[in-house]
Amino acid sequence: MVNKAIEMAITVLGSQQKLADACGVKQPSVWAWLHGKKKASPENAKSIEIVTKGKVPAYQVRPDLTGLFPHPEQAA
């Protein structure tokens, strides 16, 4: 199962390696996030939001962390 948010972040930045560099992790970590082997940390979820200029919001990277990253439609 491919993580669509991570896939979009890779597309925005151009490669798994570029996303890894932007988040300060190694490329195999990005591969693991993409393929659901690991979850991006909350810090990395926020980094992804920043480096994609909001195109991939943290709440999409970690939808399980609604306390940290509430969905905008549910935050109101």
C-alpha atoms as a PDB file:
ATOM      1  CA  MET A   1       0.000   0.000   0.000  1.00  0.00           C
ATOM      2  CA  VAL A   2       1.553   3.258  -1.143  1.00  0.00           C
ATOM      3  CA  ASN A   3       1.232   6.287   1.131  1.00  0.00           C
ATOM      4  CA  LYS A   4      -0.319   8.901  -1.177  1.00  0.00           C
ATOM      5  CA  ALA A   5       0.870  11.872   0.909  1.00  0.00           C
ATOM      6  CA  ILE A   6       4.484  10.688   0.785  1.00  0.00           C
ATOM      7  CA  GLU A   7       4.115   9.915  -2.919  1.00  0.00           C
ATOM      8  CA  MET A   8       2.907  13.482  -3.511  1.00  0.00           C
ATOM      9  CA  ALA A   9       5.796  14.929  -1.467  1.00  0.00           C
ATOM     10  CA  ILE A  10       8.271  12.912  -3.582  1.00  0.00           C
ATOM     11  CA  THR A  11       6.584  14.218  -6.743  1.00  0.00           C
ATOM     12  CA  VAL A  12       6.729  17.827  -5.501  1.00  0.00           C
ATOM     13  CA  LEU A  13      10.420  17.626  -4.571  1.00  0.00           C
ATOM     14  CA  GLY A  14      11.459  15.398  -7.473  1.00  0.00           C
ATOM     15  CA  SER A  15      12.847  12.267  -5.807  1.00  0.00           C
ATOM     16  CA  GLN A  16      12.964  10.169  -2.648  1.00  0.00           C
ATOM     17  CA  GLN A  17      16.531  11.397  -2.097  1.00  0.00           C
ATOM     18  CA  LYS A  18      15.511  15.067  -2.301  1.00  0.00           C
ATOM     19  CA  LEU A  19      12.714  14.482   0.221  1.00  0.00           C
ATOM     20  CA  ALA A  20      15.137  12.612   2.484  1.00  0.00           C
ATOM     21  CA  ASP A  21      17.670  15.455   2.278  1.00  0.00           C
ATOM     22  CA  ALA A  22      14.967  18.053   3.006  1.00  0.00           C
ATOM     23  CA  CYS A  23      13.837  16.118   6.099  1.00  0.00           C
ATOM     24  CA  GLY A  24      17.322  15.222   7.320  1.00  0.00           C
ATOM     25  CA  VAL A  25      16.813  11.473   6.958  1.00  0.00           C
ATOM     26  CA  LYS A  26      18.268   8.779   4.719  1.00  0.00           C
ATOM     27  CA  GLN A  27      16.528   7.742   1.487  1.00  0.00           C
ATOM     28  CA  PRO A  28      15.584   4.259   2.806  1.00  0.00           C
ATOM     29  CA  SER A  29      13.471   5.990   5.474  1.00  0.00           C
ATOM     30  CA  VAL A  30      11.504   7.776   2.759  1.00  0.00           C
ATOM     31  CA  TRP A  31      11.064   4.448   0.936  1.00  0.00           C
ATOM     32  CA  ALA A  32       9.754   2.910   4.172  1.00  0.00           C
ATOM     33  CA  TRP A  33       7.279   5.789   4.651  1.00  0.00           C
ATOM     34  CA  LEU A  34       6.153   5.469   1.039  1.00  0.00           C
ATOM     35  CA  HIS A  35       5.494   1.739   1.343  1.00  0.00           C
ATOM     36  CA  GLY A  36       3.944   1.835   4.815  1.00  0.00           C
ATOM     37  CA  LYS A  37       6.832   0.058   6.533  1.00  0.00           C
ATOM     38  CA  LYS A  38       7.345   3.013   8.905  1.00  0.00           C
ATOM     39  CA  LYS A  39       5.472   6.197   9.727  1.00  0.00           C
ATOM     40  CA  ALA A  40       7.103   9.593   9.409  1.00  0.00           C
ATOM     41  CA  SER A  41       7.733  11.115  12.829  1.00  0.00           C
ATOM     42  CA  PRO A  42       5.626  14.132  13.796  1.00  0.00           C
ATOM     43  CA  GLU A  43       8.714  16.301  13.212  1.00  0.00           C
ATOM     44  CA  ASN A  44       9.163  14.839   9.731  1.00  0.00           C
ATOM     45  CA  ALA A  45       5.464  15.244   8.955  1.00  0.00           C
ATOM     46  CA  LYS A  46       5.821  18.956   9.752  1.00  0.00           C
ATOM     47  CA  SER A  47       9.041  19.144   7.711  1.00  0.00           C
ATOM     48  CA  ILE A  48       7.241  17.616   4.727  1.00  0.00           C
ATOM     49  CA  GLU A  49       4.525  20.259   5.030  1.00  0.00           C
ATOM     50  CA  ILE A  50       7.172  23.011   5.104  1.00  0.00           C
ATOM     51  CA  VAL A  51       9.382  21.734   2.260  1.00  0.00           C
ATOM     52  CA  THR A  52       6.363  21.131   0.004  1.00  0.00           C
ATOM     53  CA  LYS A  53       5.143  24.675   0.812  1.00  0.00           C
ATOM     54  CA  GLY A  54       1.899  23.286   2.196  1.00  0.00           C
ATOM     55  CA  LYS A  55       1.081  21.113  -0.827  1.00  0.00           C
ATOM     56  CA  VAL A  56       1.364  18.059   1.443  1.00  0.00           C
ATOM     57  CA  PRO A  57      -0.023  19.056   4.859  1.00  0.00           C
ATOM     58  CA  ALA A  58       1.153  17.264   7.986  1.00  0.00           C
ATOM     59  CA  TYR A  59      -2.371  16.008   8.692  1.00  0.00           C
ATOM     60  CA  GLN A  60      -2.226  14.025   5.424  1.00  0.00           C
ATOM     61  CA  VAL A  61       1.184  12.556   6.252  1.00  0.00           C
ATOM     62  CA  ARG A  62       0.037  11.491   9.751  1.00  0.00           C
ATOM     63  CA  PRO A  63      -3.771  11.334   9.752  1.00  0.00           C
ATOM     64  CA  ASP A  64      -3.536   9.248  12.935  1.00  0.00           C
ATOM     65  CA  LEU A  65      -2.219  12.260  14.885  1.00  0.00           C
ATOM     66  CA  THR A  66      -5.358  14.391  14.908  1.00  0.00           C
ATOM     67  CA  GLY A  67      -4.341  15.974  18.226  1.00  0.00           C
ATOM     68  CA  LEU A  68      -1.133  17.340  16.697  1.00  0.00           C
ATOM     69  CA  PHE A  69      -2.321  17.845  13.129  1.00  0.00           C
ATOM     70  CA  PRO A  70      -6.088  18.370  13.070  1.00  0.00           C
ATOM     71  CA  HIS A  71      -7.826  18.219   9.715  1.00  0.00           C
ATOM     72  CA  PRO A  72      -8.805  21.805   8.839  1.00  0.00           C
ATOM     73  CA  GLU A  73     -12.456  20.852   8.368  1.00  0.00           C
ATOM     74  CA  GLN A  74     -12.545  19.212  11.811  1.00  0.00           C
ATOM     75  CA  ALA A  75     -10.541  21.905  13.614  1.00  0.00           C
ATOM     76  CA  ALA A  76     -13.356  24.452  13.583  1.00  0.00           C
END
